[in-house]
Amino acid sequence: MKILFTGGGSGGHIYPIVAVARALRKKYGDSVKLSYLGPKDNFCKVVLAKEHIKVRTIMAGKMRRYANPAAIVQNVIDLLIKIPLGFLQSLFLLLFINPDAVFSKGGYGSFPVALAAWILRIPIFLQESDVVAGMAVKKTVRYASVIFTSFPETEGFLNRRTVPLGNPVRAQIMDGSKEEAAKALGLKGGRPLILIVGGSQGAQRINDKILDALAELLQSYEIIHIAGPRNIDQVSKESKIMAKPEALEYYHPLGFAGEKVMADVYAAADLIVSRAGSGSIFEIAAMKKPGILIPLPEAAQNHQVKNAYAYARTGAALVMEEGNFTRHLFLEKINDLFATPESTGAMAEAAAQFARPAAGEAIADHIAKYVSQR
């Protein structure tokens, strides 16, 4: 069985692919051959290489929604040159690879691959992580044999081919250890531990607010702050200005957390503050942790805001939009949560009810069953 993955290149696209790939390998071993075709992206290449997934790249273009002259010119180039070339490359490579199925995670780089697969009559399995479908997914949906959705209320294409299974989460991310986190980061303990994850986009704005509130936060809480690799030096320096040395013993800034460290800090956290990408939401839910979500306002089609409120309606998280993300209100919400343990307990229970930790395995089984019956 040969499965080809495609997606846009960000962590939100790649980590679900990793989850499904691991599930396929766990169940079918060496009988399954896995490869990836998509736009050139160093992050994608590094992550998938570790999974022993062969990566091939194509030319890829996208349509920008902002209307300045440079964007208009780039859109014309992408529409007339990059996208057609990417399609021709996809057609040739799919003929060469000859996969039994294509698993598409969406993103601008996936559309030429999906279109080529449809022309070659290769089954396409489409996975939409967000409440609102992205542009590439909307264009691909007509070609898909099966559409996997993450949220019950996913907008845009509910039909007989839709299977709601949740967003695939790497099983290893749920296998962390609070003790290992304490050992690796030198956690002090004795007070609630808050994990703050800025994300790859808009992290600096979250970092600034956390630094503004840092002195007061460290009076009552221990903080693990994943600030982003580009921001860690600045955050580390500014934290020394914002809080006293003795308080900083309870502050642990990180630039990036690999899978093992991320699993351990998830396990250790009593509350998680995060952006509202689908991957983050489903990981928080899988860990059965209460959350505060700060959706990225620039996210395409406002999908992070819609994700955040869809998840918050379950009772598992609170939402703070950036316009309301002030030092005073942030501290107030955190203090209120920890003042009422029954609140955080109810949020954790709601997270557990929402979680779909076996989504990767379920998707892998659907794909394998479909391929075997052809």
Protein backbone atom coordinates (compact mmCIF):
# COMPACT_ATOMS: atom_id res chain seq x y z
CA MET A 1 0.00 0.00 0.00
CA LYS A 2 1.45 3.35 -1.08
CA ILE A 3 0.11 6.54 0.49
CA LEU A 4 1.15 10.01 -0.62
CA PHE A 5 0.67 12.98 1.72
CA THR A 6 0.29 16.60 0.69
CA GLY A 7 -0.22 19.83 2.62
CA GLY A 8 0.70 23.46 2.99
CA GLY A 9 3.89 23.23 5.03
CA SER A 10 3.12 24.74 8.47
CA GLY A 11 3.10 22.73 11.68
CA GLY A 12 -0.69 22.80 11.58
CA HIS A 13 -0.53 20.84 8.34
CA ILE A 14 2.50 18.66 9.01
CA TYR A 15 1.90 17.30 12.53
CA PRO A 16 -1.46 15.71 11.63
CA ILE A 17 0.30 14.06 8.68
CA VAL A 18 2.89 12.72 11.12
CA ALA A 19 0.12 11.36 13.36
CA VAL A 20 -1.56 9.52 10.47
CA ALA A 21 1.79 8.26 9.10
CA ARG A 22 2.76 6.82 12.49
CA ALA A 23 -0.64 5.16 12.84
CA LEU A 24 -0.29 3.56 9.39
CA ARG A 25 3.22 2.33 10.17
CA LYS A 26 2.20 1.02 13.60
CA LYS A 27 -0.58 -1.10 12.13
CA TYR A 28 0.80 -2.09 8.72
CA GLY A 29 4.57 -1.94 9.24
CA ASP A 30 6.80 -2.15 6.18
CA SER A 31 3.88 -3.05 3.93
CA VAL A 32 2.93 0.64 3.74
CA LYS A 33 5.12 3.03 1.71
CA LEU A 34 4.80 6.71 2.58
CA SER A 35 5.83 9.80 0.65
CA TYR A 36 5.04 13.53 0.59
CA LEU A 37 4.55 15.99 -2.25
CA GLY A 38 4.15 19.71 -1.64
CA PRO A 39 5.78 23.15 -1.69
CA LYS A 40 9.40 23.59 -0.67
CA ASP A 41 9.54 24.09 3.06
CA ASN A 42 12.52 23.42 5.33
CA PHE A 43 10.40 22.79 8.43
CA CYS A 44 8.35 20.19 6.58
CA LYS A 45 11.45 18.53 5.17
CA VAL A 46 13.13 18.22 8.57
CA VAL A 47 10.05 16.90 10.37
CA LEU A 48 9.09 14.37 7.70
CA ALA A 49 12.67 13.21 7.19
CA LYS A 50 12.70 12.11 10.83
CA GLU A 51 9.63 10.01 10.02
CA HIS A 52 11.43 8.41 7.05
CA ILE A 53 8.89 9.88 4.64
CA LYS A 54 10.30 10.66 1.19
CA VAL A 55 9.75 14.35 0.44
CA ARG A 56 9.41 15.72 -3.10
CA THR A 57 8.66 19.35 -3.88
CA ILE A 58 6.68 21.22 -6.51
CA MET A 59 6.24 24.83 -7.55
CA ALA A 60 3.36 26.32 -5.57
CA GLY A 61 1.44 29.58 -5.71
CA LYS A 62 -1.31 31.14 -3.66
CA MET A 63 -3.88 33.88 -3.92
CA ARG A 64 -3.26 36.77 -1.53
CA ARG A 65 -6.32 38.53 -0.19
CA TYR A 66 -4.69 41.93 0.40
CA ALA A 67 -4.88 44.30 -2.55
CA ASN A 68 -1.61 46.22 -2.73
CA PRO A 69 0.26 46.44 -6.07
CA ALA A 70 2.97 43.95 -5.09
CA ALA A 71 0.39 41.36 -4.02
CA ILE A 72 -1.58 41.80 -7.26
CA VAL A 73 1.56 41.25 -9.36
CA GLN A 74 2.50 38.20 -7.29
CA ASN A 75 -1.01 36.79 -7.65
CA VAL A 76 -0.80 37.11 -11.44
CA ILE A 77 2.58 35.34 -11.48
CA ASP A 78 1.31 32.58 -9.23
CA LEU A 79 -1.92 32.11 -11.19
CA LEU A 80 -0.34 32.09 -14.64
CA ILE A 81 3.01 30.43 -13.92
CA LYS A 82 3.52 28.80 -10.53
CA ILE A 83 0.19 27.00 -10.13
CA PRO A 84 0.15 25.55 -13.70
CA LEU A 85 3.79 24.45 -13.34
CA GLY A 86 3.03 22.90 -9.97
CA PHE A 87 0.14 20.99 -11.50
CA LEU A 88 2.32 19.63 -14.33
CA GLN A 89 5.01 18.63 -11.83
CA SER A 90 2.37 16.91 -9.68
CA LEU A 91 0.97 15.04 -12.66
CA PHE A 92 4.42 13.71 -13.61
CA LEU A 93 5.42 12.78 -10.06
CA LEU A 94 2.12 11.04 -9.31
CA LEU A 95 2.57 8.94 -12.44
CA PHE A 96 6.07 8.08 -11.22
CA ILE A 97 5.10 7.37 -7.58
CA ASN A 98 1.78 5.70 -8.47
CA PRO A 99 0.24 5.91 -4.98
CA ASP A 100 -2.89 3.98 -3.98
CA ALA A 101 -4.29 7.10 -2.28
CA VAL A 102 -3.51 10.75 -1.54
CA PHE A 103 -4.06 12.21 1.92
CA SER A 104 -4.43 16.00 1.65
CA LYS A 105 -4.14 18.26 4.69
CA GLY A 106 -5.03 21.40 2.76
CA GLY A 107 -2.94 24.52 2.31
CA TYR A 108 -2.08 26.31 -0.92
CA GLY A 109 0.52 23.73 -1.96
CA SER A 110 -1.92 20.82 -1.83
CA PHE A 111 -4.31 21.93 -4.58
CA PRO A 112 -2.13 21.09 -7.65
CA VAL A 113 -1.43 17.65 -6.16
CA ALA A 114 -5.10 16.95 -5.47
CA LEU A 115 -6.16 18.11 -8.94
CA ALA A 116 -3.55 15.88 -10.57
CA ALA A 117 -4.63 12.94 -8.40
CA TRP A 118 -8.26 13.44 -9.44
CA ILE A 119 -7.34 13.46 -13.13
CA LEU A 120 -5.37 10.24 -12.62
CA ARG A 121 -8.30 8.72 -10.70
CA ILE A 122 -6.31 8.30 -7.51
CA PRO A 123 -8.56 8.42 -4.39
CA ILE A 124 -8.17 11.61 -2.34
CA PHE A 125 -8.72 11.72 1.41
CA LEU A 126 -9.15 15.29 2.57
CA GLN A 127 -8.75 16.41 6.18
CA GLU A 128 -10.02 19.78 7.39
CA SER A 129 -8.78 20.79 10.83
CA ASP A 130 -10.63 24.07 11.33
CA VAL A 131 -14.24 25.08 11.88
CA VAL A 132 -14.17 26.99 8.59
CA ALA A 133 -12.60 25.36 5.55
CA GLY A 134 -9.61 27.00 3.90
CA MET A 135 -9.53 28.07 0.26
CA ALA A 136 -7.51 25.06 -0.94
CA VAL A 137 -9.82 22.65 0.87
CA LYS A 138 -12.91 24.28 -0.65
CA LYS A 139 -11.41 23.89 -4.10
CA THR A 140 -10.41 20.28 -3.45
CA VAL A 141 -13.58 19.03 -1.79
CA ARG A 142 -15.29 18.18 -5.09
CA TYR A 143 -12.48 15.75 -5.90
CA ALA A 144 -12.31 13.99 -2.52
CA SER A 145 -13.48 10.43 -1.96
CA VAL A 146 -13.77 11.02 1.81
CA ILE A 147 -13.62 14.25 3.85
CA PHE A 148 -12.46 14.00 7.46
CA THR A 149 -13.55 16.89 9.68
CA SER A 150 -12.34 17.87 13.14
CA PHE A 151 -15.08 20.01 14.70
CA PRO A 152 -18.70 18.82 14.74
CA GLU A 153 -19.81 22.15 13.26
CA THR A 154 -17.22 22.41 10.47
CA GLU A 155 -18.60 24.82 7.87
CA GLY A 156 -18.85 24.43 4.15
CA PHE A 157 -19.22 20.84 3.01
CA LEU A 158 -21.27 18.59 5.23
CA ASN A 159 -22.42 15.75 2.99
CA ARG A 160 -22.46 11.98 2.72
CA ARG A 161 -18.68 11.85 2.19
CA THR A 162 -17.93 13.67 5.43
CA VAL A 163 -16.61 11.66 8.38
CA PRO A 164 -16.17 13.64 11.66
CA LEU A 165 -13.20 12.06 13.46
CA GLY A 166 -11.32 14.97 15.06
CA ASN A 167 -7.88 16.37 14.28
CA PRO A 168 -5.06 13.78 14.32
CA VAL A 169 -2.78 14.19 17.34
CA ARG A 170 0.59 12.48 17.70
CA ALA A 171 0.22 9.71 20.29
CA GLN A 172 3.68 10.53 21.65
CA ILE A 173 2.58 14.03 22.65
CA MET A 174 0.23 12.41 25.18
CA ASP A 175 2.99 10.32 26.76
CA GLY A 176 4.74 13.03 28.73
CA SER A 177 5.98 13.04 32.31
CA LYS A 178 5.58 15.79 34.89
CA GLU A 179 8.67 14.47 36.67
CA GLU A 180 10.74 14.64 33.47
CA ALA A 181 9.62 18.24 32.89
CA ALA A 182 10.62 19.16 36.43
CA LYS A 183 14.02 17.56 35.96
CA ALA A 184 14.71 19.06 32.53
CA LEU A 185 13.58 22.61 33.31
CA GLY A 186 14.37 22.82 37.01
CA LEU A 187 10.77 23.41 38.03
CA LYS A 188 10.38 24.63 41.60
CA GLY A 189 6.87 23.30 42.25
CA GLY A 190 4.55 24.18 45.10
CA ARG A 191 2.31 26.47 43.05
CA PRO A 192 0.12 26.18 39.91
CA LEU A 193 2.07 25.78 36.66
CA ILE A 194 0.94 27.76 33.61
CA LEU A 195 2.19 26.83 30.13
CA ILE A 196 2.14 29.71 27.63
CA VAL A 197 2.59 28.90 23.93
CA GLY A 198 2.94 31.86 21.59
CA GLY A 199 2.80 29.98 18.30
CA SER A 200 4.76 30.66 15.13
CA GLN A 201 2.68 33.72 14.14
CA GLY A 202 1.86 36.66 16.37
CA ALA A 203 3.99 35.23 19.19
CA GLN A 204 5.64 38.58 19.87
CA ARG A 205 2.34 40.21 20.86
CA ILE A 206 1.61 37.44 23.35
CA ASN A 207 5.17 37.66 24.65
CA ASP A 208 4.81 41.40 25.24
CA LYS A 209 1.63 40.94 27.29
CA ILE A 210 3.13 38.12 29.34
CA LEU A 211 6.22 40.20 30.10
CA ASP A 212 4.00 43.11 31.10
CA ALA A 213 2.20 40.87 33.62
CA LEU A 214 5.24 38.79 34.58
CA ALA A 215 6.03 40.29 37.99
CA GLU A 216 2.46 39.78 39.17
CA LEU A 217 2.16 36.32 37.64
CA LEU A 218 5.29 35.14 39.40
CA GLN A 219 3.88 36.09 42.79
CA SER A 220 1.52 33.12 42.64
CA TYR A 221 2.36 30.91 39.66
CA GLU A 222 5.20 29.08 37.96
CA ILE A 223 5.47 29.82 34.24
CA ILE A 224 6.79 27.85 31.27
CA HIS A 225 6.82 30.29 28.35
CA ILE A 226 7.48 29.03 24.82
CA ALA A 227 8.29 32.35 23.21
CA GLY A 228 9.43 31.28 19.72
CA PRO A 229 13.00 30.78 18.46
CA ARG A 230 13.21 34.30 16.99
CA ASN A 231 12.02 35.93 20.21
CA ILE A 232 13.70 33.96 22.98
CA ASP A 233 16.77 36.17 23.38
CA GLN A 234 14.70 39.33 23.67
CA VAL A 235 12.20 37.70 26.04
CA SER A 236 14.97 36.36 28.28
CA LYS A 237 16.61 39.80 28.50
CA GLU A 238 13.37 41.68 29.13
CA SER A 239 12.23 39.22 31.80
CA LYS A 240 15.26 40.21 33.88
CA ILE A 241 14.04 43.79 33.81
CA MET A 242 10.39 42.98 34.54
CA ALA A 243 10.87 40.66 37.54
CA LYS A 244 13.25 40.26 40.48
CA PRO A 245 15.92 37.52 40.37
CA GLU A 246 14.28 35.47 43.13
CA ALA A 247 10.95 35.56 41.28
CA LEU A 248 12.58 34.46 38.02
CA GLU A 249 13.35 31.09 39.58
CA TYR A 250 9.71 30.35 38.76
CA TYR A 251 9.98 31.51 35.13
CA HIS A 252 11.20 29.16 32.39
CA PRO A 253 11.38 30.74 28.91
CA LEU A 254 12.00 28.44 25.94
CA GLY A 255 12.49 29.28 22.29
CA PHE A 256 11.14 25.99 20.98
CA ALA A 257 10.05 22.69 22.47
CA GLY A 258 10.64 19.47 20.58
CA GLU A 259 8.17 16.63 20.78
CA LYS A 260 9.54 15.05 23.98
CA VAL A 261 9.84 18.35 25.86
CA MET A 262 6.41 19.44 24.63
CA ALA A 263 4.86 16.19 25.86
CA ASP A 264 6.48 16.66 29.29
CA VAL A 265 5.45 20.31 29.72
CA TYR A 266 1.91 19.47 28.61
CA ALA A 267 1.82 16.78 31.29
CA ALA A 268 3.16 19.18 33.93
CA ALA A 269 0.88 22.16 33.18
CA ASP A 270 -2.20 23.01 35.24
CA LEU A 271 -3.40 25.57 32.66
CA ILE A 272 -2.42 26.13 29.03
CA VAL A 273 -2.52 29.53 27.32
CA SER A 274 -2.31 29.21 23.54
CA ARG A 275 -3.27 30.45 20.12
CA ALA A 276 -6.33 28.74 18.64
CA GLY A 277 -5.00 26.70 15.77
CA SER A 278 -6.80 23.39 15.52
CA GLY A 279 -3.63 21.43 16.26
CA SER A 280 -3.10 23.29 19.54
CA ILE A 281 -6.74 22.92 20.57
CA PHE A 282 -6.83 19.17 19.99
CA GLU A 283 -3.51 18.66 21.77
CA ILE A 284 -4.77 20.62 24.79
CA ALA A 285 -7.98 18.60 24.76
CA ALA A 286 -6.09 15.31 24.46
CA MET A 287 -4.11 16.27 27.55
CA LYS A 288 -7.38 17.05 29.39
CA LYS A 289 -6.15 20.48 30.42
CA PRO A 290 -8.11 23.71 30.98
CA GLY A 291 -7.13 26.40 28.51
CA ILE A 292 -7.22 30.08 27.68
CA LEU A 293 -7.23 30.65 23.92
CA ILE A 294 -5.98 33.86 22.29
CA PRO A 295 -6.92 33.51 18.59
CA LEU A 296 -4.69 35.06 15.97
CA PRO A 297 -6.81 37.85 14.43
CA GLU A 298 -4.95 37.76 11.09
CA ALA A 299 -5.64 34.05 10.53
CA ALA A 300 -7.23 33.33 7.13
CA GLN A 301 -11.04 33.52 7.13
CA ASN A 302 -10.93 34.30 10.85
CA HIS A 303 -10.60 30.56 11.46
CA GLN A 304 -8.78 30.82 14.78
CA VAL A 305 -11.55 32.95 16.29
CA LYS A 306 -14.16 30.45 15.09
CA ASN A 307 -12.09 27.51 16.36
CA ALA A 308 -11.69 29.17 19.75
CA TYR A 309 -15.37 29.86 20.27
CA ALA A 310 -16.42 26.43 19.00
CA TYR A 311 -14.10 24.83 21.56
CA ALA A 312 -15.06 27.27 24.33
CA ARG A 313 -18.75 26.37 23.89
CA THR A 314 -17.91 22.92 25.22
CA GLY A 315 -16.80 24.52 28.50
CA ALA A 316 -13.18 23.41 28.11
CA ALA A 317 -11.59 26.84 27.60
CA LEU A 318 -11.95 30.59 27.88
CA VAL A 319 -11.41 32.91 24.92
CA MET A 320 -9.56 36.21 25.07
CA GLU A 321 -9.50 38.04 21.77
CA GLU A 322 -6.44 40.22 21.31
CA GLY A 323 -8.42 43.43 21.77
CA ASN A 324 -9.30 42.27 25.29
CA PHE A 325 -5.93 40.70 26.07
CA THR A 326 -4.78 43.25 28.63
CA ARG A 327 -2.58 42.66 31.65
CA HIS A 328 -5.38 43.42 34.10
CA LEU A 329 -8.00 41.20 32.46
CA PHE A 330 -5.56 38.34 31.87
CA LEU A 331 -4.50 38.31 35.52
CA GLU A 332 -8.11 38.53 36.62
CA LYS A 333 -9.16 35.50 34.55
CA ILE A 334 -6.24 33.39 35.75
CA ASN A 335 -6.77 34.31 39.40
CA ASP A 336 -10.49 33.57 39.14
CA LEU A 337 -9.82 30.14 37.62
CA PHE A 338 -7.37 29.05 40.28
CA ALA A 339 -9.52 30.52 43.07
CA THR A 340 -12.25 28.03 42.11
CA PRO A 341 -10.75 24.56 41.59
CA GLU A 342 -14.17 23.25 40.58
CA SER A 343 -13.98 25.53 37.52
CA THR A 344 -10.67 24.13 36.28
CA GLY A 345 -11.88 20.61 37.09
CA ALA A 346 -15.01 21.12 34.99
CA MET A 347 -12.92 22.54 32.13
CA ALA A 348 -10.59 19.54 32.24
CA GLU A 349 -13.57 17.19 32.11
CA ALA A 350 -15.05 19.08 29.16
CA ALA A 351 -11.69 18.86 27.38
CA ALA A 352 -11.64 15.10 27.90
CA GLN A 353 -15.15 14.81 26.46
CA PHE A 354 -14.17 16.85 23.38
CA ALA A 355 -10.82 15.11 22.77
CA ARG A 356 -10.35 12.66 19.91
CA PRO A 357 -6.96 11.12 20.78
CA ALA A 358 -7.46 8.19 18.39
CA ALA A 359 -8.26 10.32 15.31
CA GLY A 360 -4.98 9.41 13.59
CA GLU A 361 -5.63 5.69 13.99
CA ALA A 362 -9.23 6.06 12.82
CA ILE A 363 -8.17 7.96 9.69
CA ALA A 364 -5.45 5.39 8.96
CA ASP A 365 -8.02 2.60 9.21
CA HIS A 366 -10.44 4.40 6.87
CA ILE A 367 -7.73 4.88 4.26
CA ALA A 368 -6.49 1.29 4.45
CA LYS A 369 -10.00 -0.15 4.26
CA TYR A 370 -10.90 2.00 1.28
CA VAL A 371 -7.71 1.07 -0.59
CA SER A 372 -8.13 -2.66 0.12
CA GLN A 373 -11.68 -2.63 -1.28
CA ARG A 374 -10.78 -1.01 -4.60
